[in-house]
């Protein structure tokens, strides 16, 4: 097991370099430059100022030189400074936005697991029942509803019509003066709609995966043998079948780890939440290459770690994988 994980860790290096190289080239091929926001929109900016900015940002160098210089900084764990007018270190911007996005997505992931797995199990054990048919309809609605449209509907209903929940930001005015209980309540109200919107599509998909996997497992011979031995149905399902049915779900959860930092572009923008998704969107629009690359590097690392965690979880759940059979 340790040897397997070590080999995977060694192989992650070249793969990460390939990811960053492709990302670096693609974002530089996009039309527009960081200097456009500071010169073309400023009538007083001269051509000389434009060239000085390009030289300052290193944009006059060939793209392979730019990538090499960026790679040397990354080797020192230096993500560089933002190209925007504040010129702040990229790591500081990410430190501010990352905890917010992780909180949102961890809560949504917890909600997905809490609801989707029981729904999938109940739908599989009651195949073709009314409950199974109703959950199937809800699942198809979850797949079909666009995130931004659902977010707008929730804002109109719960924010404007009913007035139950706030529709933007993370805190109310005067949040610093609230008591700890009031702060917790205020934060929970602000998170309710974004977490629900973020979880809705994943809840539908994961419950369907859980149902299909469990249906396939309970048709296996060893399940028939367990029933023939006189085991109770609950023990057959929850002790023998469920463990194997969770294997594909583990893979999905492992691959969902990168979404903890980059999966909230739409709902973070709609709900005006200063997280990683919104930071990434604003940086792309401003052609802020260091910030974009910093977020992509973190996303690439989390993607590779997600695959590794999924494979390791597979090995823990299935002895055949652990022993290389």
C-alpha atoms as a PDB file:
ATOM      1  CA  UNK A   1       0.000   0.000   0.000  1.00  0.00           C
ATOM      2  CA  UNK A   2       2.772   2.444   0.948  1.00  0.00           C
ATOM      3  CA  UNK A   3       4.746   1.567  -2.200  1.00  0.00           C
ATOM      4  CA  UNK A   4       1.680   2.143  -4.354  1.00  0.00           C
ATOM      5  CA  UNK A   5       1.050   5.576  -2.834  1.00  0.00           C
ATOM      6  CA  UNK A   6       4.746   6.529  -3.168  1.00  0.00           C
ATOM      7  CA  UNK A   7       4.740   5.653  -6.877  1.00  0.00           C
ATOM      8  CA  UNK A   8       1.628   7.741  -7.414  1.00  0.00           C
ATOM      9  CA  UNK A   9       3.170  10.705  -5.590  1.00  0.00           C
ATOM     10  CA  UNK A  10       6.302  10.530  -7.758  1.00  0.00           C
ATOM     11  CA  UNK A  11       4.201  10.420 -10.922  1.00  0.00           C
ATOM     12  CA  UNK A  12       2.238  13.501  -9.865  1.00  0.00           C
ATOM     13  CA  UNK A  13       5.244  15.794 -10.505  1.00  0.00           C
ATOM     14  CA  UNK A  14       5.470  15.472 -14.312  1.00  0.00           C
ATOM     15  CA  UNK A  15       1.690  15.479 -14.580  1.00  0.00           C
ATOM     16  CA  UNK A  16       1.426  18.725 -12.626  1.00  0.00           C
ATOM     17  CA  UNK A  17       4.053  20.351 -14.860  1.00  0.00           C
ATOM     18  CA  UNK A  18       2.052  19.306 -17.912  1.00  0.00           C
ATOM     19  CA  UNK A  19      -1.129  20.787 -16.436  1.00  0.00           C
ATOM     20  CA  UNK A  20       0.551  24.104 -15.654  1.00  0.00           C
ATOM     21  CA  UNK A  21       2.209  24.281 -19.083  1.00  0.00           C
ATOM     22  CA  UNK A  22      -1.062  23.795 -20.952  1.00  0.00           C
ATOM     23  CA  UNK A  23      -2.864  26.247 -18.651  1.00  0.00           C
ATOM     24  CA  UNK A  24      -0.134  28.871 -19.056  1.00  0.00           C
ATOM     25  CA  UNK A  25      -0.226  28.654 -22.846  1.00  0.00           C
ATOM     26  CA  UNK A  26      -4.025  28.711 -23.057  1.00  0.00           C
ATOM     27  CA  UNK A  27      -4.522  31.788 -20.870  1.00  0.00           C
ATOM     28  CA  UNK A  28      -1.848  33.680 -22.862  1.00  0.00           C
ATOM     29  CA  UNK A  29      -3.580  32.774 -26.125  1.00  0.00           C
ATOM     30  CA  UNK A  30      -6.794  34.446 -24.960  1.00  0.00           C
ATOM     31  CA  UNK A  31      -7.321  37.902 -26.525  1.00  0.00           C
ATOM     32  CA  UNK A  32      -6.398  40.901 -24.420  1.00  0.00           C
ATOM     33  CA  UNK A  33      -3.620  41.621 -21.945  1.00  0.00           C
ATOM     34  CA  UNK A  34      -3.393  42.887 -18.354  1.00  0.00           C
ATOM     35  CA  UNK A  35      -2.060  46.188 -19.682  1.00  0.00           C
ATOM     36  CA  UNK A  36      -5.267  46.842 -21.641  1.00  0.00           C
ATOM     37  CA  UNK A  37      -7.223  47.633 -18.482  1.00  0.00           C
ATOM     38  CA  UNK A  38      -4.635  50.246 -17.456  1.00  0.00           C
ATOM     39  CA  UNK A  39      -3.826  51.848 -20.816  1.00  0.00           C
ATOM     40  CA  UNK A  40      -6.562  51.419 -23.421  1.00  0.00           C
ATOM     41  CA  UNK A  41      -9.251  52.538 -20.979  1.00  0.00           C
ATOM     42  CA  UNK A  42      -7.143  55.506 -19.894  1.00  0.00           C
ATOM     43  CA  UNK A  43      -7.033  58.318 -22.500  1.00  0.00           C
ATOM     44  CA  UNK A  44      -3.956  59.837 -20.830  1.00  0.00           C
ATOM     45  CA  UNK A  45      -1.882  56.638 -21.128  1.00  0.00           C
ATOM     46  CA  UNK A  46       0.800  56.906 -23.807  1.00  0.00           C
ATOM     47  CA  UNK A  47       2.357  54.216 -25.978  1.00  0.00           C
ATOM     48  CA  UNK A  48       5.513  54.562 -23.901  1.00  0.00           C
ATOM     49  CA  UNK A  49       3.560  53.819 -20.716  1.00  0.00           C
ATOM     50  CA  UNK A  50       2.055  50.781 -22.427  1.00  0.00           C
ATOM     51  CA  UNK A  51       5.505  49.432 -23.300  1.00  0.00           C
ATOM     52  CA  UNK A  52       6.816  50.107 -19.780  1.00  0.00           C
ATOM     53  CA  UNK A  53       3.939  48.113 -18.313  1.00  0.00           C
ATOM     54  CA  UNK A  54       4.612  45.217 -20.661  1.00  0.00           C
ATOM     55  CA  UNK A  55       8.258  45.276 -19.656  1.00  0.00           C
ATOM     56  CA  UNK A  56       7.347  45.496 -15.969  1.00  0.00           C
ATOM     57  CA  UNK A  57       5.086  42.444 -16.212  1.00  0.00           C
ATOM     58  CA  UNK A  58       7.564  40.523 -18.385  1.00  0.00           C
ATOM     59  CA  UNK A  59       5.123  40.286 -21.296  1.00  0.00           C
ATOM     60  CA  UNK A  60       7.788  41.250 -23.858  1.00  0.00           C
ATOM     61  CA  UNK A  61       9.598  37.956 -23.287  1.00  0.00           C
ATOM     62  CA  UNK A  62       8.761  34.897 -25.419  1.00  0.00           C
ATOM     63  CA  UNK A  63       6.110  32.718 -23.841  1.00  0.00           C
ATOM     64  CA  UNK A  64       8.551  29.899 -23.025  1.00  0.00           C
ATOM     65  CA  UNK A  65      10.757  32.369 -21.132  1.00  0.00           C
ATOM     66  CA  UNK A  66       7.712  33.677 -19.259  1.00  0.00           C
ATOM     67  CA  UNK A  67       6.729  30.111 -18.314  1.00  0.00           C
ATOM     68  CA  UNK A  68      10.264  29.272 -17.183  1.00  0.00           C
ATOM     69  CA  UNK A  69      10.424  32.376 -14.986  1.00  0.00           C
ATOM     70  CA  UNK A  70       7.023  31.532 -13.523  1.00  0.00           C
ATOM     71  CA  UNK A  71       8.102  27.918 -12.920  1.00  0.00           C
ATOM     72  CA  UNK A  72      11.214  29.070 -11.031  1.00  0.00           C
ATOM     73  CA  UNK A  73       9.044  31.189  -8.739  1.00  0.00           C
ATOM     74  CA  UNK A  74       6.641  28.301  -8.157  1.00  0.00           C
ATOM     75  CA  UNK A  75       9.573  26.057  -7.203  1.00  0.00           C
ATOM     76  CA  UNK A  76      10.194  28.541  -4.366  1.00  0.00           C
ATOM     77  CA  UNK A  77       6.453  28.464  -3.486  1.00  0.00           C
ATOM     78  CA  UNK A  78       6.150  32.054  -4.716  1.00  0.00           C
ATOM     79  CA  UNK A  79       2.956  32.687  -6.693  1.00  0.00           C
ATOM     80  CA  UNK A  80       4.045  36.217  -7.583  1.00  0.00           C
ATOM     81  CA  UNK A  81       2.102  39.480  -7.394  1.00  0.00           C
ATOM     82  CA  UNK A  82      -1.201  40.376  -8.968  1.00  0.00           C
ATOM     83  CA  UNK A  83      -1.147  42.360 -12.235  1.00  0.00           C
ATOM     84  CA  UNK A  84      -4.032  44.495 -11.018  1.00  0.00           C
ATOM     85  CA  UNK A  85      -3.460  47.983  -9.703  1.00  0.00           C
ATOM     86  CA  UNK A  86      -3.233  46.903  -6.064  1.00  0.00           C
ATOM     87  CA  UNK A  87      -0.233  44.690  -6.929  1.00  0.00           C
ATOM     88  CA  UNK A  88      -0.891  42.472  -3.914  1.00  0.00           C
ATOM     89  CA  UNK A  89       0.777  39.063  -3.525  1.00  0.00           C
ATOM     90  CA  UNK A  90      -1.314  36.319  -5.101  1.00  0.00           C
ATOM     91  CA  UNK A  91      -1.012  34.168  -1.990  1.00  0.00           C
ATOM     92  CA  UNK A  92      -2.656  36.897   0.107  1.00  0.00           C
ATOM     93  CA  UNK A  93      -5.653  37.095  -2.228  1.00  0.00           C
ATOM     94  CA  UNK A  94      -6.018  33.321  -2.200  1.00  0.00           C
ATOM     95  CA  UNK A  95      -5.721  33.182   1.596  1.00  0.00           C
ATOM     96  CA  UNK A  96      -8.633  35.596   1.899  1.00  0.00           C
ATOM     97  CA  UNK A  97     -10.901  33.794  -0.552  1.00  0.00           C
ATOM     98  CA  UNK A  98      -9.984  30.139   0.065  1.00  0.00           C
ATOM     99  CA  UNK A  99     -11.526  29.633   3.549  1.00  0.00           C
ATOM    100  CA  UNK A 100     -14.862  31.034   2.351  1.00  0.00           C
ATOM    101  CA  UNK A 101     -15.063  28.704  -0.644  1.00  0.00           C
ATOM    102  CA  UNK A 102     -13.916  25.681   1.369  1.00  0.00           C
ATOM    103  CA  UNK A 103     -16.585  26.393   3.993  1.00  0.00           C
ATOM    104  CA  UNK A 104     -19.316  26.669   1.357  1.00  0.00           C
ATOM    105  CA  UNK A 105     -18.313  23.538  -0.513  1.00  0.00           C
ATOM    106  CA  UNK A 106     -17.631  21.404   2.566  1.00  0.00           C
ATOM    107  CA  UNK A 107     -21.105  22.244   3.852  1.00  0.00           C
ATOM    108  CA  UNK A 108     -22.657  21.449   0.477  1.00  0.00           C
ATOM    109  CA  UNK A 109     -20.686  18.192   0.219  1.00  0.00           C
ATOM    110  CA  UNK A 110     -21.812  17.208   3.717  1.00  0.00           C
ATOM    111  CA  UNK A 111     -25.421  17.963   2.748  1.00  0.00           C
ATOM    112  CA  UNK A 112     -25.050  15.897  -0.428  1.00  0.00           C
ATOM    113  CA  UNK A 113     -23.730  12.875   1.487  1.00  0.00           C
ATOM    114  CA  UNK A 114     -26.264  13.258   4.283  1.00  0.00           C
ATOM    115  CA  UNK A 115     -29.222  13.209   1.894  1.00  0.00           C
ATOM    116  CA  UNK A 116     -28.171  11.417  -1.301  1.00  0.00           C
ATOM    117  CA  UNK A 117     -26.856   8.132   0.155  1.00  0.00           C
ATOM    118  CA  UNK A 118     -30.008   7.358   2.212  1.00  0.00           C
ATOM    119  CA  UNK A 119     -32.193   8.354  -0.746  1.00  0.00           C
ATOM    120  CA  UNK A 120     -30.191   6.106  -3.084  1.00  0.00           C
ATOM    121  CA  UNK A 121     -30.365   3.173  -0.676  1.00  0.00           C
ATOM    122  CA  UNK A 122     -34.103   3.544  -0.098  1.00  0.00           C
ATOM    123  CA  UNK A 123     -34.781   3.910  -3.827  1.00  0.00           C
ATOM    124  CA  UNK A 124     -32.765   0.764  -4.592  1.00  0.00           C
ATOM    125  CA  UNK A 125     -34.361  -1.358  -1.872  1.00  0.00           C
ATOM    126  CA  UNK A 126     -37.833  -0.168  -2.964  1.00  0.00           C
ATOM    127  CA  UNK A 127     -37.329  -0.354  -6.708  1.00  0.00           C
ATOM    128  CA  UNK A 128     -40.333   0.807  -8.793  1.00  0.00           C
ATOM    129  CA  UNK A 129     -42.181   1.951  -5.680  1.00  0.00           C
ATOM    130  CA  UNK A 130     -43.817   5.378  -5.430  1.00  0.00           C
ATOM    131  CA  UNK A 131     -40.786   6.660  -3.507  1.00  0.00           C
ATOM    132  CA  UNK A 132     -38.442   5.424  -6.247  1.00  0.00           C
ATOM    133  CA  UNK A 133     -40.512   7.089  -8.957  1.00  0.00           C
ATOM    134  CA  UNK A 134     -40.746  10.384  -7.081  1.00  0.00           C
ATOM    135  CA  UNK A 135     -36.989  10.492  -6.452  1.00  0.00           C
ATOM    136  CA  UNK A 136     -36.358   9.709 -10.123  1.00  0.00           C
ATOM    137  CA  UNK A 137     -38.438  12.729 -11.131  1.00  0.00           C
ATOM    138  CA  UNK A 138     -36.583  14.939  -8.636  1.00  0.00           C
ATOM    139  CA  UNK A 139     -33.242  13.650  -9.935  1.00  0.00           C
ATOM    140  CA  UNK A 140     -34.092  14.532 -13.536  1.00  0.00           C
ATOM    141  CA  UNK A 141     -35.213  17.984 -12.412  1.00  0.00           C
ATOM    142  CA  UNK A 142     -31.922  18.380 -10.544  1.00  0.00           C
ATOM    143  CA  UNK A 143     -29.964  17.491 -13.668  1.00  0.00           C
ATOM    144  CA  UNK A 144     -32.013  19.808 -15.883  1.00  0.00           C
ATOM    145  CA  UNK A 145     -32.245  22.956 -13.740  1.00  0.00           C
ATOM    146  CA  UNK A 146     -29.407  25.441 -14.469  1.00  0.00           C
ATOM    147  CA  UNK A 147     -27.597  26.590 -11.341  1.00  0.00           C
ATOM    148  CA  UNK A 148     -27.936  30.296 -12.060  1.00  0.00           C
ATOM    149  CA  UNK A 149     -31.696  29.967 -12.733  1.00  0.00           C
ATOM    150  CA  UNK A 150     -32.259  28.022  -9.511  1.00  0.00           C
ATOM    151  CA  UNK A 151     -30.232  30.608  -7.579  1.00  0.00           C
ATOM    152  CA  UNK A 152     -32.327  33.459  -8.975  1.00  0.00           C
ATOM    153  CA  UNK A 153     -35.574  31.633  -8.126  1.00  0.00           C
ATOM    154  CA  UNK A 154     -34.411  31.003  -4.564  1.00  0.00           C
ATOM    155  CA  UNK A 155     -33.404  34.644  -4.176  1.00  0.00           C
ATOM    156  CA  UNK A 156     -36.785  35.858  -5.424  1.00  0.00           C
ATOM    157  CA  UNK A 157     -38.798  33.432  -3.286  1.00  0.00           C
ATOM    158  CA  UNK A 158     -36.926  33.354   0.025  1.00  0.00           C
ATOM    159  CA  UNK A 159     -35.241  36.744  -0.177  1.00  0.00           C
ATOM    160  CA  UNK A 160     -37.678  39.112  -1.872  1.00  0.00           C
ATOM    161  CA  UNK A 161     -41.137  37.541  -1.558  1.00  0.00           C
ATOM    162  CA  UNK A 162     -40.915  35.878   1.873  1.00  0.00           C
ATOM    163  CA  UNK A 163     -38.023  37.891   3.301  1.00  0.00           C
ATOM    164  CA  UNK A 164     -36.716  34.900   5.238  1.00  0.00           C
ATOM    165  CA  UNK A 165     -33.104  34.846   4.024  1.00  0.00           C
ATOM    166  CA  UNK A 166     -30.535  37.404   2.827  1.00  0.00           C
ATOM    167  CA  UNK A 167     -29.581  37.192  -0.833  1.00  0.00           C
ATOM    168  CA  UNK A 168     -26.016  38.527  -0.976  1.00  0.00           C
ATOM    169  CA  UNK A 169     -22.773  38.579   0.953  1.00  0.00           C
ATOM    170  CA  UNK A 170     -21.839  36.661   4.084  1.00  0.00           C
ATOM    171  CA  UNK A 171     -22.655  39.151   6.840  1.00  0.00           C
ATOM    172  CA  UNK A 172     -25.285  41.722   7.692  1.00  0.00           C
ATOM    173  CA  UNK A 173     -24.521  45.361   8.418  1.00  0.00           C
ATOM    174  CA  UNK A 174     -23.068  45.761  11.911  1.00  0.00           C
ATOM    175  CA  UNK A 175     -21.945  42.126  12.069  1.00  0.00           C
ATOM    176  CA  UNK A 176     -18.937  43.064  14.249  1.00  0.00           C
ATOM    177  CA  UNK A 177     -21.266  44.275  16.997  1.00  0.00           C
ATOM    178  CA  UNK A 178     -23.301  41.050  17.157  1.00  0.00           C
ATOM    179  CA  UNK A 179     -23.019  38.543  19.982  1.00  0.00           C
ATOM    180  CA  UNK A 180     -21.482  35.121  19.142  1.00  0.00           C
ATOM    181  CA  UNK A 181     -24.946  33.548  18.885  1.00  0.00           C
ATOM    182  CA  UNK A 182     -26.158  36.363  16.622  1.00  0.00           C
ATOM    183  CA  UNK A 183     -23.031  36.047  14.445  1.00  0.00           C
ATOM    184  CA  UNK A 184     -23.602  32.315  14.033  1.00  0.00           C
ATOM    185  CA  UNK A 185     -27.278  32.839  13.173  1.00  0.00           C
ATOM    186  CA  UNK A 186     -26.465  35.609  10.709  1.00  0.00           C
ATOM    187  CA  UNK A 187     -23.772  33.551   8.964  1.00  0.00           C
ATOM    188  CA  UNK A 188     -26.078  30.508   8.789  1.00  0.00           C
ATOM    189  CA  UNK A 189     -28.814  32.581   7.144  1.00  0.00           C
ATOM    190  CA  UNK A 190     -26.391  33.972   4.573  1.00  0.00           C
ATOM    191  CA  UNK A 191     -25.028  30.493   3.793  1.00  0.00           C
ATOM    192  CA  UNK A 192     -28.391  28.728   3.503  1.00  0.00           C
ATOM    193  CA  UNK A 193     -29.196  29.640  -0.113  1.00  0.00           C
ATOM    194  CA  UNK A 194     -25.646  29.280  -1.548  1.00  0.00           C
ATOM    195  CA  UNK A 195     -25.158  25.894   0.116  1.00  0.00           C
ATOM    196  CA  UNK A 196     -28.512  24.621  -1.121  1.00  0.00           C
ATOM    197  CA  UNK A 197     -27.855  25.800  -4.678  1.00  0.00           C
ATOM    198  CA  UNK A 198     -24.362  24.290  -4.643  1.00  0.00           C
ATOM    199  CA  UNK A 199     -25.661  20.950  -3.316  1.00  0.00           C
ATOM    200  CA  UNK A 200     -28.801  20.542  -5.414  1.00  0.00           C
ATOM    201  CA  UNK A 201     -27.233  19.233  -8.619  1.00  0.00           C
ATOM    202  CA  UNK A 202     -24.715  17.018  -6.812  1.00  0.00           C
ATOM    203  CA  UNK A 203     -27.422  15.617  -4.570  1.00  0.00           C
ATOM    204  CA  UNK A 204     -29.432  14.493  -7.579  1.00  0.00           C
ATOM    205  CA  UNK A 205     -26.457  12.889  -9.311  1.00  0.00           C
ATOM    206  CA  UNK A 206     -24.988  11.098  -6.299  1.00  0.00           C
ATOM    207  CA  UNK A 207     -28.319   9.648  -5.191  1.00  0.00           C
ATOM    208  CA  UNK A 208     -28.783   8.198  -8.679  1.00  0.00           C
ATOM    209  CA  UNK A 209     -25.272   6.697  -8.651  1.00  0.00           C
ATOM    210  CA  UNK A 210     -25.959   5.207  -5.229  1.00  0.00           C
ATOM    211  CA  UNK A 211     -29.211   3.636  -6.417  1.00  0.00           C
ATOM    212  CA  UNK A 212     -27.728   2.097  -9.574  1.00  0.00           C
ATOM    213  CA  UNK A 213     -24.641   0.765  -7.782  1.00  0.00           C
ATOM    214  CA  UNK A 214     -26.669  -0.827  -4.997  1.00  0.00           C
ATOM    215  CA  UNK A 215     -29.083  -2.419  -7.464  1.00  0.00           C
ATOM    216  CA  UNK A 216     -26.142  -3.990  -9.253  1.00  0.00           C
ATOM    217  CA  UNK A 217     -24.549  -5.233  -6.035  1.00  0.00           C
ATOM    218  CA  UNK A 218     -27.676  -6.814  -4.540  1.00  0.00           C
ATOM    219  CA  UNK A 219     -27.974  -9.012  -7.644  1.00  0.00           C
ATOM    220  CA  UNK A 220     -24.560 -10.583  -6.986  1.00  0.00           C
ATOM    221  CA  UNK A 221     -24.235 -14.202  -5.900  1.00  0.00           C
ATOM    222  CA  UNK A 222     -22.726 -13.430  -2.502  1.00  0.00           C
ATOM    223  CA  UNK A 223     -25.806 -11.396  -1.587  1.00  0.00           C
ATOM    224  CA  UNK A 224     -28.003 -14.369  -2.473  1.00  0.00           C
ATOM    225  CA  UNK A 225     -25.755 -16.532  -0.309  1.00  0.00           C
ATOM    226  CA  UNK A 226     -26.033 -14.120   2.615  1.00  0.00           C
ATOM    227  CA  UNK A 227     -29.817 -14.190   2.349  1.00  0.00           C
ATOM    228  CA  UNK A 228     -29.807 -17.980   2.080  1.00  0.00           C
ATOM    229  CA  UNK A 229     -27.890 -18.136   5.365  1.00  0.00           C
ATOM    230  CA  UNK A 230     -30.819 -16.425   7.062  1.00  0.00           C
ATOM    231  CA  UNK A 231     -29.280 -12.996   7.628  1.00  0.00           C
ATOM    232  CA  UNK A 232     -31.727 -10.170   8.134  1.00  0.00           C
ATOM    233  CA  UNK A 233     -32.390  -7.882   5.189  1.00  0.00           C
ATOM    234  CA  UNK A 234     -30.919  -4.886   7.013  1.00  0.00           C
ATOM    235  CA  UNK A 235     -27.674  -6.762   7.701  1.00  0.00           C
ATOM    236  CA  UNK A 236     -27.488  -7.947   4.078  1.00  0.00           C
ATOM    237  CA  UNK A 237     -27.967  -4.445   2.720  1.00  0.00           C
ATOM    238  CA  UNK A 238     -26.052  -2.302   5.179  1.00  0.00           C
ATOM    239  CA  UNK A 239     -23.225  -4.671   6.125  1.00  0.00           C
ATOM    240  CA  UNK A 240     -22.522  -6.555   2.884  1.00  0.00           C
ATOM    241  CA  UNK A 241     -24.014  -4.736  -0.099  1.00  0.00           C
ATOM    242  CA  UNK A 242     -23.577  -1.102   0.885  1.00  0.00           C
ATOM    243  CA  UNK A 243     -19.813  -1.289   1.321  1.00  0.00           C
ATOM    244  CA  UNK A 244     -19.224  -2.483  -2.228  1.00  0.00           C
ATOM    245  CA  UNK A 245     -21.843  -0.131  -3.631  1.00  0.00           C
ATOM    246  CA  UNK A 246     -19.923   2.807  -2.148  1.00  0.00           C
ATOM    247  CA  UNK A 247     -16.792   2.157  -4.248  1.00  0.00           C
ATOM    248  CA  UNK A 248     -17.875   4.223  -7.287  1.00  0.00           C
ATOM    249  CA  UNK A 249     -19.198   6.895  -4.920  1.00  0.00           C
ATOM    250  CA  UNK A 250     -15.720   7.129  -3.377  1.00  0.00           C
ATOM    251  CA  UNK A 251     -14.316   7.896  -6.816  1.00  0.00           C
ATOM    252  CA  UNK A 252     -16.852  10.655  -7.360  1.00  0.00           C
ATOM    253  CA  UNK A 253     -16.059  12.168  -3.977  1.00  0.00           C
ATOM    254  CA  UNK A 254     -12.340  12.053  -4.695  1.00  0.00           C
ATOM    255  CA  UNK A 255     -12.818  13.835  -8.000  1.00  0.00           C
ATOM    256  CA  UNK A 256     -15.034  16.420  -6.303  1.00  0.00           C
ATOM    257  CA  UNK A 257     -12.148  17.681  -4.143  1.00  0.00           C
ATOM    258  CA  UNK A 258     -10.994  20.249  -6.768  1.00  0.00           C
ATOM    259  CA  UNK A 259     -14.513  21.678  -6.620  1.00  0.00           C
ATOM    260  CA  UNK A 260     -13.807  22.701  -3.040  1.00  0.00           C
ATOM    261  CA  UNK A 261     -11.921  25.719  -4.411  1.00  0.00           C
ATOM    262  CA  UNK A 262     -13.109  26.252  -7.952  1.00  0.00           C
ATOM    263  CA  UNK A 263     -16.640  24.952  -8.229  1.00  0.00           C
ATOM    264  CA  UNK A 264     -18.464  28.060  -7.056  1.00  0.00           C
ATOM    265  CA  UNK A 265     -17.909  30.540  -9.882  1.00  0.00           C
ATOM    266  CA  UNK A 266     -21.613  30.850 -10.726  1.00  0.00           C
ATOM    267  CA  UNK A 267     -23.260  30.959  -7.317  1.00  0.00           C
ATOM    268  CA  UNK A 268     -20.454  32.979  -5.714  1.00  0.00           C
ATOM    269  CA  UNK A 269     -20.907  35.641  -8.385  1.00  0.00           C
ATOM    270  CA  UNK A 270     -24.714  35.616  -8.082  1.00  0.00           C
ATOM    271  CA  UNK A 271     -24.705  35.772  -4.280  1.00  0.00           C
ATOM    272  CA  UNK A 272     -21.753  38.261  -4.165  1.00  0.00           C
ATOM    273  CA  UNK A 273     -19.622  35.915  -2.060  1.00  0.00           C
ATOM    274  CA  UNK A 274     -15.903  36.824  -2.039  1.00  0.00           C
ATOM    275  CA  UNK A 275     -14.639  33.278  -2.561  1.00  0.00           C
ATOM    276  CA  UNK A 276     -12.254  31.552  -4.953  1.00  0.00           C
ATOM    277  CA  UNK A 277     -14.813  31.203  -7.719  1.00  0.00           C
ATOM    278  CA  UNK A 278     -15.514  34.902  -7.817  1.00  0.00           C
ATOM    279  CA  UNK A 279     -11.790  35.718  -7.543  1.00  0.00           C
ATOM    280  CA  UNK A 280     -11.061  33.396 -10.470  1.00  0.00           C
ATOM    281  CA  UNK A 281     -13.788  34.960 -12.619  1.00  0.00           C
ATOM    282  CA  UNK A 282     -12.645  38.518 -11.912  1.00  0.00           C
ATOM    283  CA  UNK A 283      -9.008  37.573 -12.553  1.00  0.00           C
ATOM    284  CA  UNK A 284      -9.841  35.986 -15.902  1.00  0.00           C
ATOM    285  CA  UNK A 285     -11.787  39.062 -16.957  1.00  0.00           C
ATOM    286  CA  UNK A 286      -8.843  41.304 -15.958  1.00  0.00           C
ATOM    287  CA  UNK A 287      -6.267  38.948 -17.544  1.00  0.00           C
ATOM    288  CA  UNK A 288      -4.541  38.756 -14.166  1.00  0.00           C
ATOM    289  CA  UNK A 289      -2.232  35.895 -15.153  1.00  0.00           C
ATOM    290  CA  UNK A 290      -0.503  35.298 -11.775  1.00  0.00           C
ATOM    291  CA  UNK A 291      -3.799  34.971  -9.892  1.00  0.00           C
ATOM    292  CA  UNK A 292      -5.311  32.737 -12.584  1.00  0.00           C
ATOM    293  CA  UNK A 293      -2.252  30.481 -12.613  1.00  0.00           C
ATOM    294  CA  UNK A 294      -2.133  30.386  -8.807  1.00  0.00           C
ATOM    295  CA  UNK A 295      -5.733  29.156  -8.652  1.00  0.00           C
ATOM    296  CA  UNK A 296      -5.147  26.672 -11.478  1.00  0.00           C
ATOM    297  CA  UNK A 297      -2.063  25.263  -9.733  1.00  0.00           C
ATOM    298  CA  UNK A 298      -4.015  24.722  -6.527  1.00  0.00           C
ATOM    299  CA  UNK A 299      -6.824  23.139  -8.552  1.00  0.00           C
ATOM    300  CA  UNK A 300      -4.361  20.862 -10.353  1.00  0.00           C
ATOM    301  CA  UNK A 301      -2.772  19.736  -7.091  1.00  0.00           C
ATOM    302  CA  UNK A 302      -6.175  19.025  -5.571  1.00  0.00           C
ATOM    303  CA  UNK A 303      -7.238  17.100  -8.686  1.00  0.00           C
ATOM    304  CA  UNK A 304      -4.209  14.827  -8.453  1.00  0.00           C
ATOM    305  CA  UNK A 305      -4.638  14.444  -4.683  1.00  0.00           C
ATOM    306  CA  UNK A 306      -8.319  13.670  -5.231  1.00  0.00           C
ATOM    307  CA  UNK A 307      -7.428  10.857  -7.619  1.00  0.00           C
ATOM    308  CA  UNK A 308      -4.869   9.543  -5.135  1.00  0.00           C
ATOM    309  CA  UNK A 309      -7.326   9.661  -2.234  1.00  0.00           C
ATOM    310  CA  UNK A 310      -9.968   7.897  -4.341  1.00  0.00           C
ATOM    311  CA  UNK A 311      -7.538   5.127  -5.313  1.00  0.00           C
ATOM    312  CA  UNK A 312      -6.324   4.734  -1.731  1.00  0.00           C
ATOM    313  CA  UNK A 313      -9.920   4.578  -0.501  1.00  0.00           C
ATOM    314  CA  UNK A 314     -10.621   1.945  -3.129  1.00  0.00           C
ATOM    315  CA  UNK A 315      -7.736  -0.113  -1.818  1.00  0.00           C
ATOM    316  CA  UNK A 316      -8.963   0.202   1.752  1.00  0.00           C
ATOM    317  CA  UNK A 317     -12.502  -0.798   0.790  1.00  0.00           C
ATOM    318  CA  UNK A 318     -11.526  -3.643  -1.565  1.00  0.00           C
ATOM    319  CA  UNK A 319      -8.769  -6.062  -0.404  1.00  0.00           C
ATOM    320  CA  UNK A 320      -8.258  -7.266  -3.997  1.00  0.00           C
ATOM    321  CA  UNK A 321      -6.920  -3.847  -4.972  1.00  0.00           C
ATOM    322  CA  UNK A 322      -4.800  -3.625  -1.830  1.00  0.00           C
ATOM    323  CA  UNK A 323      -3.071  -6.931  -2.619  1.00  0.00           C
ATOM    324  CA  UNK A 324      -2.697  -6.178  -6.334  1.00  0.00           C
ATOM    325  CA  UNK A 325      -5.136  -8.814  -7.570  1.00  0.00           C
END
